[in-house]
Amino acid sequence: MKKIRYFIVSTIVLCMIFASTIVTYAADPYLSFGSKTGNVNVKKYADKYNDTWVSVIDNGISAWNNSSANVSISKSSSSKNSIEAARYDDTWYGLTSQTYNSSTGYTTKFTIKVNARTISADATNFNNFAKSTVTHEFGHVFWLCDNPNTSKSSIMKYSRNRNGMTAPQTFDVDNVNAKYD
């Protein structure tokens, strides 16, 4: 009987240690990589997409540019960074891939992909949902991780209302500013 109790108590303690490790990691709002400065550019895209997508992407960029975050996103035909909108077979709404220097953590190139297929299927307000996705993906470029463990509103949360929340929230801006102050 003592062995069973010892086993149960030991299992519970190990589970608690494991759970606290997860919470500690999830509470960190940052990725281990991101843009060296808050000033990034992305390859011009107006000639690739229809007016709806150009507007959505422009509005996602403006959400950061018009926030009080110390960041600026511009467009340049010579940029190696890109944003792409297409109907991908995957289940995600958006995906950011970053190439970075492992010794500094600084991003040297990024690609943001926005999935028109999943957004069209799930959005009640397509433009807002897509803008929320673009804004969220740029958050990754500025070091922000997915789904931070906070009770505060965040554009990086999976549980956000993508049909309504389209701009970085105070929590996001504060964390980005902490990286670029």
C-alpha atoms as a PDB file:
ATOM      1  CA  MET A   1       0.000   0.000   0.000  1.00  0.00           C
ATOM      2  CA  LYS A   2       2.866   2.392   0.830  1.00  0.00           C
ATOM      3  CA  LYS A   3       4.436   1.701  -2.570  1.00  0.00           C
ATOM      4  CA  ILE A   4       1.201   2.591  -4.345  1.00  0.00           C
ATOM      5  CA  ARG A   5       0.857   5.857  -2.383  1.00  0.00           C
ATOM      6  CA  TYR A   6       4.520   6.675  -3.072  1.00  0.00           C
ATOM      7  CA  PHE A   7       3.980   5.992  -6.783  1.00  0.00           C
ATOM      8  CA  ILE A   8       0.856   8.174  -6.914  1.00  0.00           C
ATOM      9  CA  VAL A   9       2.463  11.045  -4.992  1.00  0.00           C
ATOM     10  CA  SER A  10       5.617  10.815  -7.112  1.00  0.00           C
ATOM     11  CA  THR A  11       3.566  10.851 -10.303  1.00  0.00           C
ATOM     12  CA  ILE A  12       1.596  13.895  -9.145  1.00  0.00           C
ATOM     13  CA  VAL A  13       4.785  15.762  -8.180  1.00  0.00           C
ATOM     14  CA  LEU A  14       6.384  14.984 -11.551  1.00  0.00           C
ATOM     15  CA  CYS A  15       3.261  16.139 -13.362  1.00  0.00           C
ATOM     16  CA  MET A  16       3.263  19.379 -11.377  1.00  0.00           C
ATOM     17  CA  ILE A  17       6.936  19.992 -12.204  1.00  0.00           C
ATOM     18  CA  PHE A  18       6.287  19.268 -15.882  1.00  0.00           C
ATOM     19  CA  ALA A  19       3.222  21.544 -15.940  1.00  0.00           C
ATOM     20  CA  SER A  20       5.115  24.395 -14.256  1.00  0.00           C
ATOM     21  CA  THR A  21       7.875  24.079 -16.857  1.00  0.00           C
ATOM     22  CA  ILE A  22       5.324  24.461 -19.630  1.00  0.00           C
ATOM     23  CA  VAL A  23       3.707  27.481 -17.973  1.00  0.00           C
ATOM     24  CA  THR A  24       7.099  29.113 -17.425  1.00  0.00           C
ATOM     25  CA  TYR A  25       7.987  28.670 -21.094  1.00  0.00           C
ATOM     26  CA  ALA A  26       4.576  29.773 -22.360  1.00  0.00           C
ATOM     27  CA  ALA A  27       4.671  32.904 -20.205  1.00  0.00           C
ATOM     28  CA  ASP A  28       7.640  34.206 -22.190  1.00  0.00           C
ATOM     29  CA  PRO A  29       6.166  36.496 -24.886  1.00  0.00           C
ATOM     30  CA  TYR A  30       9.244  36.278 -27.126  1.00  0.00           C
ATOM     31  CA  LEU A  31      10.630  34.010 -29.809  1.00  0.00           C
ATOM     32  CA  SER A  32      14.381  33.400 -29.765  1.00  0.00           C
ATOM     33  CA  PHE A  33      14.712  35.328 -33.048  1.00  0.00           C
ATOM     34  CA  GLY A  34      13.365  38.452 -34.727  1.00  0.00           C
ATOM     35  CA  SER A  35      14.249  41.616 -36.579  1.00  0.00           C
ATOM     36  CA  LYS A  36      17.362  43.412 -35.306  1.00  0.00           C
ATOM     37  CA  THR A  37      15.557  46.735 -35.548  1.00  0.00           C
ATOM     38  CA  GLY A  38      11.910  47.644 -35.654  1.00  0.00           C
ATOM     39  CA  ASN A  39      12.358  48.887 -39.224  1.00  0.00           C
ATOM     40  CA  VAL A  40      11.648  46.188 -41.802  1.00  0.00           C
ATOM     41  CA  ASN A  41      10.708  46.192 -45.427  1.00  0.00           C
ATOM     42  CA  VAL A  42       8.790  43.733 -47.541  1.00  0.00           C
ATOM     43  CA  LYS A  43       8.819  43.193 -51.290  1.00  0.00           C
ATOM     44  CA  LYS A  44       6.126  45.173 -53.124  1.00  0.00           C
ATOM     45  CA  TYR A  45       3.080  43.009 -53.809  1.00  0.00           C
ATOM     46  CA  ALA A  46       0.486  45.272 -55.486  1.00  0.00           C
ATOM     47  CA  ASP A  47       1.146  43.754 -58.919  1.00  0.00           C
ATOM     48  CA  LYS A  48       0.665  40.186 -57.575  1.00  0.00           C
ATOM     49  CA  TYR A  49      -2.760  40.447 -55.955  1.00  0.00           C
ATOM     50  CA  ASN A  50      -6.233  41.840 -56.489  1.00  0.00           C
ATOM     51  CA  ASP A  51      -7.422  44.978 -54.687  1.00  0.00           C
ATOM     52  CA  THR A  52      -8.938  42.968 -51.814  1.00  0.00           C
ATOM     53  CA  TRP A  53      -5.637  41.327 -50.895  1.00  0.00           C
ATOM     54  CA  VAL A  54      -3.602  44.493 -51.433  1.00  0.00           C
ATOM     55  CA  SER A  55      -5.974  46.305 -49.065  1.00  0.00           C
ATOM     56  CA  VAL A  56      -5.824  43.526 -46.453  1.00  0.00           C
ATOM     57  CA  ILE A  57      -2.011  43.427 -46.488  1.00  0.00           C
ATOM     58  CA  ASP A  58      -1.730  47.225 -46.479  1.00  0.00           C
ATOM     59  CA  ASN A  59      -4.114  47.400 -43.527  1.00  0.00           C
ATOM     60  CA  GLY A  60      -2.156  44.751 -41.599  1.00  0.00           C
ATOM     61  CA  ILE A  61       1.021  46.761 -42.144  1.00  0.00           C
ATOM     62  CA  SER A  62      -0.760  49.980 -41.125  1.00  0.00           C
ATOM     63  CA  ALA A  63      -1.961  48.318 -37.922  1.00  0.00           C
ATOM     64  CA  TRP A  64       1.679  48.131 -36.776  1.00  0.00           C
ATOM     65  CA  ASN A  65       2.792  51.413 -38.361  1.00  0.00           C
ATOM     66  CA  ASN A  66      -0.088  53.302 -36.721  1.00  0.00           C
ATOM     67  CA  SER A  67       0.405  51.703 -33.319  1.00  0.00           C
ATOM     68  CA  SER A  68       2.639  53.187 -30.658  1.00  0.00           C
ATOM     69  CA  ALA A  69       5.156  50.377 -31.216  1.00  0.00           C
ATOM     70  CA  ASN A  70       8.694  51.438 -32.169  1.00  0.00           C
ATOM     71  CA  VAL A  71       8.399  49.730 -35.546  1.00  0.00           C
ATOM     72  CA  SER A  72       8.029  50.657 -39.180  1.00  0.00           C
ATOM     73  CA  ILE A  73       7.130  48.397 -42.088  1.00  0.00           C
ATOM     74  CA  SER A  74       7.777  49.680 -45.599  1.00  0.00           C
ATOM     75  CA  LYS A  75       7.605  48.232 -49.110  1.00  0.00           C
ATOM     76  CA  SER A  76      10.594  47.951 -51.420  1.00  0.00           C
ATOM     77  CA  SER A  77      10.999  46.228 -54.777  1.00  0.00           C
ATOM     78  CA  SER A  78      14.495  45.126 -53.725  1.00  0.00           C
ATOM     79  CA  SER A  79      13.454  43.574 -50.396  1.00  0.00           C
ATOM     80  CA  LYS A  80      14.320  39.921 -49.775  1.00  0.00           C
ATOM     81  CA  ASN A  81      11.347  39.685 -47.379  1.00  0.00           C
ATOM     82  CA  SER A  82       7.966  38.766 -48.801  1.00  0.00           C
ATOM     83  CA  ILE A  83       4.318  38.328 -48.013  1.00  0.00           C
ATOM     84  CA  GLU A  84       2.265  35.826 -49.987  1.00  0.00           C
ATOM     85  CA  ALA A  85      -1.460  35.154 -50.102  1.00  0.00           C
ATOM     86  CA  ALA A  86      -2.678  31.912 -51.664  1.00  0.00           C
ATOM     87  CA  ARG A  87      -4.969  28.946 -51.134  1.00  0.00           C
ATOM     88  CA  TYR A  88      -2.713  26.529 -49.238  1.00  0.00           C
ATOM     89  CA  ASP A  89      -3.843  22.992 -48.397  1.00  0.00           C
ATOM     90  CA  ASP A  90      -2.584  23.406 -44.825  1.00  0.00           C
ATOM     91  CA  THR A  91      -4.844  24.162 -41.843  1.00  0.00           C
ATOM     92  CA  TRP A  92      -3.127  27.362 -40.639  1.00  0.00           C
ATOM     93  CA  TYR A  93      -4.381  30.890 -41.305  1.00  0.00           C
ATOM     94  CA  GLY A  94      -0.934  32.446 -41.508  1.00  0.00           C
ATOM     95  CA  LEU A  95       2.655  31.289 -41.311  1.00  0.00           C
ATOM     96  CA  THR A  96       5.883  33.218 -40.849  1.00  0.00           C
ATOM     97  CA  SER A  97       9.186  31.617 -41.817  1.00  0.00           C
ATOM     98  CA  GLN A  98      12.328  33.405 -40.717  1.00  0.00           C
ATOM     99  CA  THR A  99      15.946  32.787 -41.584  1.00  0.00           C
ATOM    100  CA  TYR A 100      18.120  34.066 -38.777  1.00  0.00           C
ATOM    101  CA  ASN A 101      21.660  34.128 -37.473  1.00  0.00           C
ATOM    102  CA  SER A 102      21.717  31.563 -34.675  1.00  0.00           C
ATOM    103  CA  SER A 103      24.433  33.395 -32.729  1.00  0.00           C
ATOM    104  CA  THR A 104      22.594  36.744 -32.658  1.00  0.00           C
ATOM    105  CA  GLY A 105      18.973  35.681 -33.134  1.00  0.00           C
ATOM    106  CA  TYR A 106      18.561  38.413 -35.749  1.00  0.00           C
ATOM    107  CA  THR A 107      16.356  37.660 -38.711  1.00  0.00           C
ATOM    108  CA  THR A 108      18.075  37.963 -42.085  1.00  0.00           C
ATOM    109  CA  LYS A 109      15.007  37.148 -44.204  1.00  0.00           C
ATOM    110  CA  PHE A 110      11.332  36.412 -43.626  1.00  0.00           C
ATOM    111  CA  THR A 111       8.350  35.178 -45.599  1.00  0.00           C
ATOM    112  CA  ILE A 112       4.788  35.621 -44.406  1.00  0.00           C
ATOM    113  CA  LYS A 113       2.144  33.359 -45.944  1.00  0.00           C
ATOM    114  CA  VAL A 114      -1.584  34.018 -45.571  1.00  0.00           C
ATOM    115  CA  ASN A 115      -3.965  31.149 -46.285  1.00  0.00           C
ATOM    116  CA  ALA A 116      -6.970  32.373 -48.282  1.00  0.00           C
ATOM    117  CA  ARG A 117      -8.581  28.918 -48.124  1.00  0.00           C
ATOM    118  CA  THR A 118      -8.831  28.638 -44.334  1.00  0.00           C
ATOM    119  CA  ILE A 119      -9.638  32.311 -43.829  1.00  0.00           C
ATOM    120  CA  SER A 120     -12.458  32.174 -46.398  1.00  0.00           C
ATOM    121  CA  ALA A 121     -13.850  29.058 -44.732  1.00  0.00           C
ATOM    122  CA  ASP A 122     -13.834  30.439 -41.163  1.00  0.00           C
ATOM    123  CA  ALA A 123     -14.254  34.211 -41.394  1.00  0.00           C
ATOM    124  CA  THR A 124     -17.531  36.012 -40.813  1.00  0.00           C
ATOM    125  CA  ASN A 125     -15.740  39.248 -41.766  1.00  0.00           C
ATOM    126  CA  PHE A 126     -13.125  38.306 -44.364  1.00  0.00           C
ATOM    127  CA  ASN A 127     -11.255  41.626 -44.414  1.00  0.00           C
ATOM    128  CA  ASN A 128     -10.933  41.827 -40.625  1.00  0.00           C
ATOM    129  CA  PHE A 129     -10.009  38.156 -40.253  1.00  0.00           C
ATOM    130  CA  ALA A 130      -7.323  38.417 -42.940  1.00  0.00           C
ATOM    131  CA  LYS A 131      -5.999  41.716 -41.509  1.00  0.00           C
ATOM    132  CA  SER A 132      -5.827  40.124 -38.051  1.00  0.00           C
ATOM    133  CA  THR A 133      -3.792  37.295 -39.571  1.00  0.00           C
ATOM    134  CA  VAL A 134      -1.366  39.638 -41.354  1.00  0.00           C
ATOM    135  CA  THR A 135      -0.943  41.744 -38.201  1.00  0.00           C
ATOM    136  CA  HIS A 136      -0.333  38.608 -36.116  1.00  0.00           C
ATOM    137  CA  GLU A 137       2.294  37.292 -38.552  1.00  0.00           C
ATOM    138  CA  PHE A 138       4.218  40.583 -38.515  1.00  0.00           C
ATOM    139  CA  GLY A 139       4.250  40.238 -34.720  1.00  0.00           C
ATOM    140  CA  HIS A 140       6.534  37.215 -35.204  1.00  0.00           C
ATOM    141  CA  VAL A 141       8.978  39.357 -37.183  1.00  0.00           C
ATOM    142  CA  PHE A 142       9.087  41.626 -34.115  1.00  0.00           C
ATOM    143  CA  TRP A 143       9.996  38.693 -31.798  1.00  0.00           C
ATOM    144  CA  LEU A 144       6.488  37.928 -30.495  1.00  0.00           C
ATOM    145  CA  CYS A 145       5.588  34.284 -29.912  1.00  0.00           C
ATOM    146  CA  ASP A 146       2.277  32.560 -30.512  1.00  0.00           C
ATOM    147  CA  ASN A 147      -0.305  32.348 -27.815  1.00  0.00           C
ATOM    148  CA  PRO A 148       1.429  34.104 -24.899  1.00  0.00           C
ATOM    149  CA  ASN A 149       0.268  33.052 -21.455  1.00  0.00           C
ATOM    150  CA  THR A 150      -1.465  36.240 -20.370  1.00  0.00           C
ATOM    151  CA  SER A 151      -4.957  37.309 -19.412  1.00  0.00           C
ATOM    152  CA  LYS A 152      -4.412  40.541 -21.365  1.00  0.00           C
ATOM    153  CA  SER A 153      -5.661  41.052 -24.908  1.00  0.00           C
ATOM    154  CA  SER A 154      -3.070  40.139 -27.538  1.00  0.00           C
ATOM    155  CA  ILE A 155      -3.016  39.933 -31.330  1.00  0.00           C
ATOM    156  CA  MET A 156      -0.740  36.918 -30.796  1.00  0.00           C
ATOM    157  CA  LYS A 157      -3.365  34.834 -28.939  1.00  0.00           C
ATOM    158  CA  TYR A 158      -5.012  31.953 -30.750  1.00  0.00           C
ATOM    159  CA  SER A 159      -8.231  32.663 -28.850  1.00  0.00           C
ATOM    160  CA  ARG A 160      -8.562  36.248 -30.118  1.00  0.00           C
ATOM    161  CA  ASN A 161     -11.626  37.208 -32.128  1.00  0.00           C
ATOM    162  CA  ARG A 162     -10.026  37.379 -35.564  1.00  0.00           C
ATOM    163  CA  ASN A 163     -13.177  38.967 -36.983  1.00  0.00           C
ATOM    164  CA  GLY A 164     -12.825  41.889 -34.564  1.00  0.00           C
ATOM    165  CA  MET A 165      -9.261  42.224 -33.242  1.00  0.00           C
ATOM    166  CA  THR A 166      -7.143  43.533 -36.096  1.00  0.00           C
ATOM    167  CA  ALA A 167      -4.444  45.617 -34.414  1.00  0.00           C
ATOM    168  CA  PRO A 168      -1.638  44.996 -31.923  1.00  0.00           C
ATOM    169  CA  GLN A 169      -2.910  45.386 -28.376  1.00  0.00           C
ATOM    170  CA  THR A 170      -1.197  47.210 -25.495  1.00  0.00           C
ATOM    171  CA  PHE A 171       0.392  43.929 -24.347  1.00  0.00           C
ATOM    172  CA  ASP A 172       1.898  43.392 -27.829  1.00  0.00           C
ATOM    173  CA  VAL A 173       3.085  46.983 -28.226  1.00  0.00           C
ATOM    174  CA  ASP A 174       4.681  46.993 -24.766  1.00  0.00           C
ATOM    175  CA  ASN A 175       6.575  43.774 -25.501  1.00  0.00           C
ATOM    176  CA  VAL A 176       7.744  44.975 -28.915  1.00  0.00           C
ATOM    177  CA  ASN A 177       8.841  48.301 -27.435  1.00  0.00           C
ATOM    178  CA  ALA A 178      10.820  46.436 -24.760  1.00  0.00           C
ATOM    179  CA  LYS A 179      12.817  44.830 -27.602  1.00  0.00           C
ATOM    180  CA  TYR A 180      13.400  48.083 -29.510  1.00  0.00           C
ATOM    181  CA  ASP A 181      13.896  50.704 -26.786  1.00  0.00           C
END
